[in-house]
């Protein structure tokens, strides 16, 4: 029994050591101080709505705050992923084109975390605690004394925080730097006596105005 233990313990230790080496991970922060504002900023434009009764456009910008490159050595191969934290801002418009109801504009601001693997596939979570939604109603009238008057820009505003979870694909060294598909959840409040939840899809493209390096080869 003792002999078996003496043989088994070194074997277990060698397996643990080999496994720890196989998942060895290095982490490196990217130096962004040499990059200009435009080099660290991407713009985006896309569809925003739920296809059925609410459709519109969304415009936005993302500013890169921090980027970390993580490299894992696993079973003889390397896996390199980047993790980014970005500031984002959005401006959008939605409506029901068939009935001209549920029309509104919205804007929100927050933080995005994004993971990109070596193949350019992306996963992101976007949290926007600062949000505002302004609804616009069809032609509306009100009674003022003995007169009936038309309401100017009928509708109201709401505090509208939101969160998005999405996937995407990065395109390196291109003006159109990638595409994305998000599922967005927005909460409008106060709505009557409570809050109104709304789910939307967002599909679009990112682009930037980064200048090409002078030493780039010309074909």
C-alpha atoms as a PDB file:
ATOM      1  CA  UNK A   1       0.000   0.000   0.000  1.00  0.00           C
ATOM      2  CA  UNK A   2       2.809   2.400   0.923  1.00  0.00           C
ATOM      3  CA  UNK A   3       4.559   1.584  -2.339  1.00  0.00           C
ATOM      4  CA  UNK A   4       1.429   2.394  -4.313  1.00  0.00           C
ATOM      5  CA  UNK A   5       1.086   5.736  -2.514  1.00  0.00           C
ATOM      6  CA  UNK A   6       4.739   6.549  -3.169  1.00  0.00           C
ATOM      7  CA  UNK A   7       4.175   5.968  -6.880  1.00  0.00           C
ATOM      8  CA  UNK A   8       0.777   7.672  -7.002  1.00  0.00           C
ATOM      9  CA  UNK A   9       1.661  10.949  -5.250  1.00  0.00           C
ATOM     10  CA  UNK A  10       4.426  12.001  -7.730  1.00  0.00           C
ATOM     11  CA  UNK A  11       2.096  11.108 -10.596  1.00  0.00           C
ATOM     12  CA  UNK A  12      -0.670  13.320  -9.217  1.00  0.00           C
ATOM     13  CA  UNK A  13       1.764  16.185  -8.608  1.00  0.00           C
ATOM     14  CA  UNK A  14       3.110  15.936 -12.154  1.00  0.00           C
ATOM     15  CA  UNK A  15      -0.425  15.995 -13.582  1.00  0.00           C
ATOM     16  CA  UNK A  16      -1.306  19.087 -11.532  1.00  0.00           C
ATOM     17  CA  UNK A  17       1.883  20.823 -12.634  1.00  0.00           C
ATOM     18  CA  UNK A  18       1.253  19.951 -16.287  1.00  0.00           C
ATOM     19  CA  UNK A  19      -2.332  21.182 -16.121  1.00  0.00           C
ATOM     20  CA  UNK A  20      -1.313  24.465 -14.482  1.00  0.00           C
ATOM     21  CA  UNK A  21       1.261  25.011 -17.229  1.00  0.00           C
ATOM     22  CA  UNK A  22      -1.304  24.176 -19.915  1.00  0.00           C
ATOM     23  CA  UNK A  23      -3.621  26.985 -18.743  1.00  0.00           C
ATOM     24  CA  UNK A  24      -0.867  29.496 -18.055  1.00  0.00           C
ATOM     25  CA  UNK A  25      -2.222  33.001 -18.598  1.00  0.00           C
ATOM     26  CA  UNK A  26      -0.510  36.307 -19.253  1.00  0.00           C
ATOM     27  CA  UNK A  27      -2.183  39.676 -19.020  1.00  0.00           C
ATOM     28  CA  UNK A  28      -0.989  42.882 -20.658  1.00  0.00           C
ATOM     29  CA  UNK A  29      -2.549  46.363 -20.644  1.00  0.00           C
ATOM     30  CA  UNK A  30      -2.482  48.229 -23.959  1.00  0.00           C
ATOM     31  CA  UNK A  31      -0.869  51.682 -23.874  1.00  0.00           C
ATOM     32  CA  UNK A  32      -3.459  54.120 -25.280  1.00  0.00           C
ATOM     33  CA  UNK A  33      -1.773  57.417 -24.421  1.00  0.00           C
ATOM     34  CA  UNK A  34      -0.248  57.790 -27.908  1.00  0.00           C
ATOM     35  CA  UNK A  35      -3.613  57.465 -29.653  1.00  0.00           C
ATOM     36  CA  UNK A  36      -5.691  60.474 -30.623  1.00  0.00           C
ATOM     37  CA  UNK A  37      -9.359  60.975 -29.776  1.00  0.00           C
ATOM     38  CA  UNK A  38     -10.494  59.791 -33.215  1.00  0.00           C
ATOM     39  CA  UNK A  39      -8.233  56.740 -33.047  1.00  0.00           C
ATOM     40  CA  UNK A  40      -9.876  55.709 -29.778  1.00  0.00           C
ATOM     41  CA  UNK A  41     -13.431  56.480 -30.956  1.00  0.00           C
ATOM     42  CA  UNK A  42     -15.754  54.368 -33.089  1.00  0.00           C
ATOM     43  CA  UNK A  43     -19.121  55.499 -34.405  1.00  0.00           C
ATOM     44  CA  UNK A  44     -22.091  53.288 -35.117  1.00  0.00           C
ATOM     45  CA  UNK A  45     -25.371  53.361 -36.990  1.00  0.00           C
ATOM     46  CA  UNK A  46     -28.048  50.712 -37.133  1.00  0.00           C
ATOM     47  CA  UNK A  47     -31.626  49.546 -36.927  1.00  0.00           C
ATOM     48  CA  UNK A  48     -33.418  49.773 -33.573  1.00  0.00           C
ATOM     49  CA  UNK A  49     -36.866  48.309 -32.930  1.00  0.00           C
ATOM     50  CA  UNK A  50     -38.839  45.116 -32.484  1.00  0.00           C
ATOM     51  CA  UNK A  51     -39.767  44.620 -36.183  1.00  0.00           C
ATOM     52  CA  UNK A  52     -43.510  44.279 -35.518  1.00  0.00           C
ATOM     53  CA  UNK A  53     -44.778  47.680 -34.339  1.00  0.00           C
ATOM     54  CA  UNK A  54     -41.730  49.717 -33.399  1.00  0.00           C
ATOM     55  CA  UNK A  55     -38.980  50.532 -35.903  1.00  0.00           C
ATOM     56  CA  UNK A  56     -36.299  53.181 -36.172  1.00  0.00           C
ATOM     57  CA  UNK A  57     -32.622  54.117 -36.278  1.00  0.00           C
ATOM     58  CA  UNK A  58     -29.918  54.377 -33.660  1.00  0.00           C
ATOM     59  CA  UNK A  59     -26.730  56.479 -33.866  1.00  0.00           C
ATOM     60  CA  UNK A  60     -23.917  56.258 -31.361  1.00  0.00           C
ATOM     61  CA  UNK A  61     -20.253  56.614 -30.446  1.00  0.00           C
ATOM     62  CA  UNK A  62     -17.869  54.558 -28.297  1.00  0.00           C
ATOM     63  CA  UNK A  63     -14.683  55.891 -26.713  1.00  0.00           C
ATOM     64  CA  UNK A  64     -12.053  53.359 -25.632  1.00  0.00           C
ATOM     65  CA  UNK A  65     -11.060  53.843 -21.985  1.00  0.00           C
ATOM     66  CA  UNK A  66      -9.028  50.722 -21.297  1.00  0.00           C
ATOM     67  CA  UNK A  67      -7.917  47.623 -23.160  1.00  0.00           C
ATOM     68  CA  UNK A  68      -6.262  44.479 -21.832  1.00  0.00           C
ATOM     69  CA  UNK A  69      -4.816  41.614 -23.887  1.00  0.00           C
ATOM     70  CA  UNK A  70      -5.017  38.190 -22.282  1.00  0.00           C
ATOM     71  CA  UNK A  71      -3.079  35.220 -23.660  1.00  0.00           C
ATOM     72  CA  UNK A  72      -3.748  31.667 -22.486  1.00  0.00           C
ATOM     73  CA  UNK A  73      -1.505  28.708 -23.243  1.00  0.00           C
ATOM     74  CA  UNK A  74      -3.681  25.612 -23.276  1.00  0.00           C
ATOM     75  CA  UNK A  75      -2.542  22.220 -24.531  1.00  0.00           C
ATOM     76  CA  UNK A  76       0.126  23.605 -26.802  1.00  0.00           C
ATOM     77  CA  UNK A  77      -1.978  26.340 -28.412  1.00  0.00           C
ATOM     78  CA  UNK A  78      -2.390  30.030 -27.649  1.00  0.00           C
ATOM     79  CA  UNK A  79      -5.688  31.825 -27.200  1.00  0.00           C
ATOM     80  CA  UNK A  80      -5.524  35.607 -27.301  1.00  0.00           C
ATOM     81  CA  UNK A  81      -8.512  37.695 -26.218  1.00  0.00           C
ATOM     82  CA  UNK A  82      -8.893  41.435 -25.725  1.00  0.00           C
ATOM     83  CA  UNK A  83     -11.084  42.979 -23.037  1.00  0.00           C
ATOM     84  CA  UNK A  84     -12.204  46.583 -23.507  1.00  0.00           C
ATOM     85  CA  UNK A  85     -14.009  49.145 -21.389  1.00  0.00           C
ATOM     86  CA  UNK A  86     -15.666  51.939 -23.384  1.00  0.00           C
ATOM     87  CA  UNK A  87     -17.748  55.031 -22.761  1.00  0.00           C
ATOM     88  CA  UNK A  88     -20.771  55.110 -25.052  1.00  0.00           C
ATOM     89  CA  UNK A  89     -23.515  57.502 -26.080  1.00  0.00           C
ATOM     90  CA  UNK A  90     -26.578  56.881 -28.249  1.00  0.00           C
ATOM     91  CA  UNK A  91     -29.295  58.861 -29.987  1.00  0.00           C
ATOM     92  CA  UNK A  92     -32.258  57.123 -31.582  1.00  0.00           C
ATOM     93  CA  UNK A  93     -35.687  57.487 -33.135  1.00  0.00           C
ATOM     94  CA  UNK A  94     -38.526  54.942 -33.253  1.00  0.00           C
ATOM     95  CA  UNK A  95     -42.119  54.896 -34.505  1.00  0.00           C
ATOM     96  CA  UNK A  96     -44.910  52.695 -35.781  1.00  0.00           C
ATOM     97  CA  UNK A  97     -44.919  53.665 -39.463  1.00  0.00           C
ATOM     98  CA  UNK A  98     -48.352  52.162 -40.144  1.00  0.00           C
ATOM     99  CA  UNK A  99     -50.242  53.978 -37.356  1.00  0.00           C
ATOM    100  CA  UNK A 100     -47.818  56.819 -36.432  1.00  0.00           C
ATOM    101  CA  UNK A 101     -48.139  55.836 -32.761  1.00  0.00           C
ATOM    102  CA  UNK A 102     -45.476  54.917 -30.218  1.00  0.00           C
ATOM    103  CA  UNK A 103     -43.261  57.586 -31.721  1.00  0.00           C
ATOM    104  CA  UNK A 104     -40.322  58.849 -29.708  1.00  0.00           C
ATOM    105  CA  UNK A 105     -36.710  59.883 -29.538  1.00  0.00           C
ATOM    106  CA  UNK A 106     -34.254  58.619 -26.931  1.00  0.00           C
ATOM    107  CA  UNK A 107     -30.728  59.207 -25.764  1.00  0.00           C
ATOM    108  CA  UNK A 108     -28.605  57.299 -23.262  1.00  0.00           C
ATOM    109  CA  UNK A 109     -25.059  57.208 -21.910  1.00  0.00           C
ATOM    110  CA  UNK A 110     -23.081  54.574 -20.072  1.00  0.00           C
ATOM    111  CA  UNK A 111     -20.286  51.997 -20.120  1.00  0.00           C
ATOM    112  CA  UNK A 112     -19.623  49.015 -22.398  1.00  0.00           C
ATOM    113  CA  UNK A 113     -17.537  45.924 -21.661  1.00  0.00           C
ATOM    114  CA  UNK A 114     -16.488  43.994 -24.764  1.00  0.00           C
ATOM    115  CA  UNK A 115     -14.541  40.770 -25.282  1.00  0.00           C
ATOM    116  CA  UNK A 116     -12.946  39.944 -28.650  1.00  0.00           C
ATOM    117  CA  UNK A 117     -11.255  36.630 -29.469  1.00  0.00           C
ATOM    118  CA  UNK A 118      -8.479  36.018 -31.990  1.00  0.00           C
ATOM    119  CA  UNK A 119     -11.029  35.338 -34.751  1.00  0.00           C
ATOM    120  CA  UNK A 120     -12.670  38.717 -34.211  1.00  0.00           C
ATOM    121  CA  UNK A 121     -15.860  37.361 -32.641  1.00  0.00           C
ATOM    122  CA  UNK A 122     -17.199  39.705 -29.966  1.00  0.00           C
ATOM    123  CA  UNK A 123     -19.434  39.577 -26.920  1.00  0.00           C
ATOM    124  CA  UNK A 124     -20.488  42.766 -25.140  1.00  0.00           C
ATOM    125  CA  UNK A 125     -22.558  44.072 -22.244  1.00  0.00           C
ATOM    126  CA  UNK A 126     -23.692  47.708 -22.302  1.00  0.00           C
ATOM    127  CA  UNK A 127     -25.131  49.454 -19.242  1.00  0.00           C
ATOM    128  CA  UNK A 128     -26.657  52.916 -19.620  1.00  0.00           C
ATOM    129  CA  UNK A 129     -27.814  54.391 -16.279  1.00  0.00           C
ATOM    130  CA  UNK A 130     -28.327  57.824 -17.868  1.00  0.00           C
ATOM    131  CA  UNK A 131     -31.224  57.703 -20.292  1.00  0.00           C
ATOM    132  CA  UNK A 132     -34.078  59.896 -21.509  1.00  0.00           C
ATOM    133  CA  UNK A 133     -37.066  59.045 -23.725  1.00  0.00           C
ATOM    134  CA  UNK A 134     -39.461  61.640 -25.189  1.00  0.00           C
ATOM    135  CA  UNK A 135     -42.732  60.324 -26.616  1.00  0.00           C
ATOM    136  CA  UNK A 136     -44.787  62.150 -29.252  1.00  0.00           C
ATOM    137  CA  UNK A 137     -48.542  61.582 -29.515  1.00  0.00           C
ATOM    138  CA  UNK A 138     -50.788  62.048 -32.575  1.00  0.00           C
ATOM    139  CA  UNK A 139     -52.798  65.257 -32.958  1.00  0.00           C
ATOM    140  CA  UNK A 140     -54.157  66.117 -29.491  1.00  0.00           C
ATOM    141  CA  UNK A 141     -56.508  68.804 -28.170  1.00  0.00           C
ATOM    142  CA  UNK A 142     -57.247  70.170 -24.707  1.00  0.00           C
ATOM    143  CA  UNK A 143     -60.100  72.147 -23.157  1.00  0.00           C
ATOM    144  CA  UNK A 144     -59.075  75.522 -21.783  1.00  0.00           C
ATOM    145  CA  UNK A 145     -62.059  77.366 -20.294  1.00  0.00           C
ATOM    146  CA  UNK A 146     -64.653  77.568 -23.042  1.00  0.00           C
ATOM    147  CA  UNK A 147     -62.129  76.906 -25.809  1.00  0.00           C
ATOM    148  CA  UNK A 148     -60.653  73.782 -27.349  1.00  0.00           C
ATOM    149  CA  UNK A 149     -56.984  74.233 -28.179  1.00  0.00           C
ATOM    150  CA  UNK A 150     -54.502  72.116 -30.080  1.00  0.00           C
ATOM    151  CA  UNK A 151     -51.624  70.807 -27.929  1.00  0.00           C
ATOM    152  CA  UNK A 152     -48.158  71.760 -29.173  1.00  0.00           C
ATOM    153  CA  UNK A 153     -45.887  68.680 -29.393  1.00  0.00           C
ATOM    154  CA  UNK A 154     -48.102  66.381 -27.307  1.00  0.00           C
ATOM    155  CA  UNK A 155     -46.308  63.701 -25.338  1.00  0.00           C
ATOM    156  CA  UNK A 156     -44.065  63.478 -22.322  1.00  0.00           C
ATOM    157  CA  UNK A 157     -40.569  62.619 -21.173  1.00  0.00           C
ATOM    158  CA  UNK A 158     -39.338  59.650 -19.159  1.00  0.00           C
ATOM    159  CA  UNK A 159     -36.214  58.637 -17.306  1.00  0.00           C
ATOM    160  CA  UNK A 160     -35.115  55.628 -19.371  1.00  0.00           C
ATOM    161  CA  UNK A 161     -32.107  53.559 -18.232  1.00  0.00           C
ATOM    162  CA  UNK A 162     -31.213  50.577 -20.404  1.00  0.00           C
ATOM    163  CA  UNK A 163     -29.004  47.510 -20.709  1.00  0.00           C
ATOM    164  CA  UNK A 164     -27.889  45.645 -23.849  1.00  0.00           C
ATOM    165  CA  UNK A 165     -26.315  42.238 -24.402  1.00  0.00           C
ATOM    166  CA  UNK A 166     -24.922  41.470 -27.817  1.00  0.00           C
ATOM    167  CA  UNK A 167     -22.567  39.740 -30.207  1.00  0.00           C
ATOM    168  CA  UNK A 168     -20.543  41.057 -33.120  1.00  0.00           C
ATOM    169  CA  UNK A 169     -17.686  40.624 -35.552  1.00  0.00           C
ATOM    170  CA  UNK A 170     -14.555  42.779 -35.744  1.00  0.00           C
ATOM    171  CA  UNK A 171     -13.013  43.824 -39.080  1.00  0.00           C
ATOM    172  CA  UNK A 172      -9.412  44.917 -38.542  1.00  0.00           C
ATOM    173  CA  UNK A 173      -7.826  47.746 -40.531  1.00  0.00           C
ATOM    174  CA  UNK A 174     -11.129  48.644 -42.222  1.00  0.00           C
ATOM    175  CA  UNK A 175     -13.165  51.844 -42.197  1.00  0.00           C
ATOM    176  CA  UNK A 176     -16.209  49.773 -41.284  1.00  0.00           C
ATOM    177  CA  UNK A 177     -14.639  48.177 -38.230  1.00  0.00           C
ATOM    178  CA  UNK A 178     -17.359  45.661 -37.417  1.00  0.00           C
ATOM    179  CA  UNK A 179     -20.996  44.728 -37.127  1.00  0.00           C
ATOM    180  CA  UNK A 180     -23.129  44.059 -34.082  1.00  0.00           C
ATOM    181  CA  UNK A 181     -26.436  42.560 -32.964  1.00  0.00           C
ATOM    182  CA  UNK A 182     -27.803  43.534 -29.533  1.00  0.00           C
ATOM    183  CA  UNK A 183     -30.871  42.765 -27.487  1.00  0.00           C
ATOM    184  CA  UNK A 184     -31.785  45.935 -25.595  1.00  0.00           C
ATOM    185  CA  UNK A 185     -33.989  46.337 -22.535  1.00  0.00           C
ATOM    186  CA  UNK A 186     -35.213  49.862 -21.706  1.00  0.00           C
ATOM    187  CA  UNK A 187     -37.321  50.912 -18.741  1.00  0.00           C
ATOM    188  CA  UNK A 188     -39.426  54.085 -19.044  1.00  0.00           C
ATOM    189  CA  UNK A 189     -40.435  55.608 -15.729  1.00  0.00           C
ATOM    190  CA  UNK A 190     -42.631  56.995 -14.312  1.00  0.00           C
ATOM    191  CA  UNK A 191     -45.222  55.534 -16.693  1.00  0.00           C
ATOM    192  CA  UNK A 192     -48.732  56.015 -15.273  1.00  0.00           C
ATOM    193  CA  UNK A 193     -48.383  54.478 -11.794  1.00  0.00           C
ATOM    194  CA  UNK A 194     -45.280  52.431 -12.542  1.00  0.00           C
ATOM    195  CA  UNK A 195     -42.792  51.702 -15.305  1.00  0.00           C
ATOM    196  CA  UNK A 196     -43.007  50.508 -18.917  1.00  0.00           C
ATOM    197  CA  UNK A 197     -40.447  47.856 -19.991  1.00  0.00           C
ATOM    198  CA  UNK A 198     -39.512  47.667 -23.676  1.00  0.00           C
ATOM    199  CA  UNK A 199     -37.364  45.121 -25.569  1.00  0.00           C
ATOM    200  CA  UNK A 200     -35.704  46.047 -28.865  1.00  0.00           C
ATOM    201  CA  UNK A 201     -33.272  44.563 -31.350  1.00  0.00           C
ATOM    202  CA  UNK A 202     -30.295  46.568 -32.535  1.00  0.00           C
ATOM    203  CA  UNK A 203     -28.377  45.617 -35.663  1.00  0.00           C
ATOM    204  CA  UNK A 204     -25.787  47.796 -37.334  1.00  0.00           C
ATOM    205  CA  UNK A 205     -22.193  48.650 -38.197  1.00  0.00           C
ATOM    206  CA  UNK A 206     -19.284  50.442 -36.530  1.00  0.00           C
ATOM    207  CA  UNK A 207     -16.844  52.709 -38.353  1.00  0.00           C
ATOM    208  CA  UNK A 208     -14.063  55.160 -37.537  1.00  0.00           C
ATOM    209  CA  UNK A 209     -12.022  58.000 -39.032  1.00  0.00           C
ATOM    210  CA  UNK A 210      -8.623  56.596 -38.106  1.00  0.00           C
ATOM    211  CA  UNK A 211      -5.889  57.755 -40.456  1.00  0.00           C
ATOM    212  CA  UNK A 212      -3.812  55.174 -42.262  1.00  0.00           C
ATOM    213  CA  UNK A 213      -0.131  54.958 -41.290  1.00  0.00           C
ATOM    214  CA  UNK A 214       2.249  56.661 -43.686  1.00  0.00           C
ATOM    215  CA  UNK A 215       4.505  53.646 -43.765  1.00  0.00           C
ATOM    216  CA  UNK A 216       1.667  51.403 -44.982  1.00  0.00           C
ATOM    217  CA  UNK A 217       2.461  49.551 -48.204  1.00  0.00           C
ATOM    218  CA  UNK A 218       0.754  50.756 -51.355  1.00  0.00           C
ATOM    219  CA  UNK A 219      -0.386  48.028 -53.717  1.00  0.00           C
END
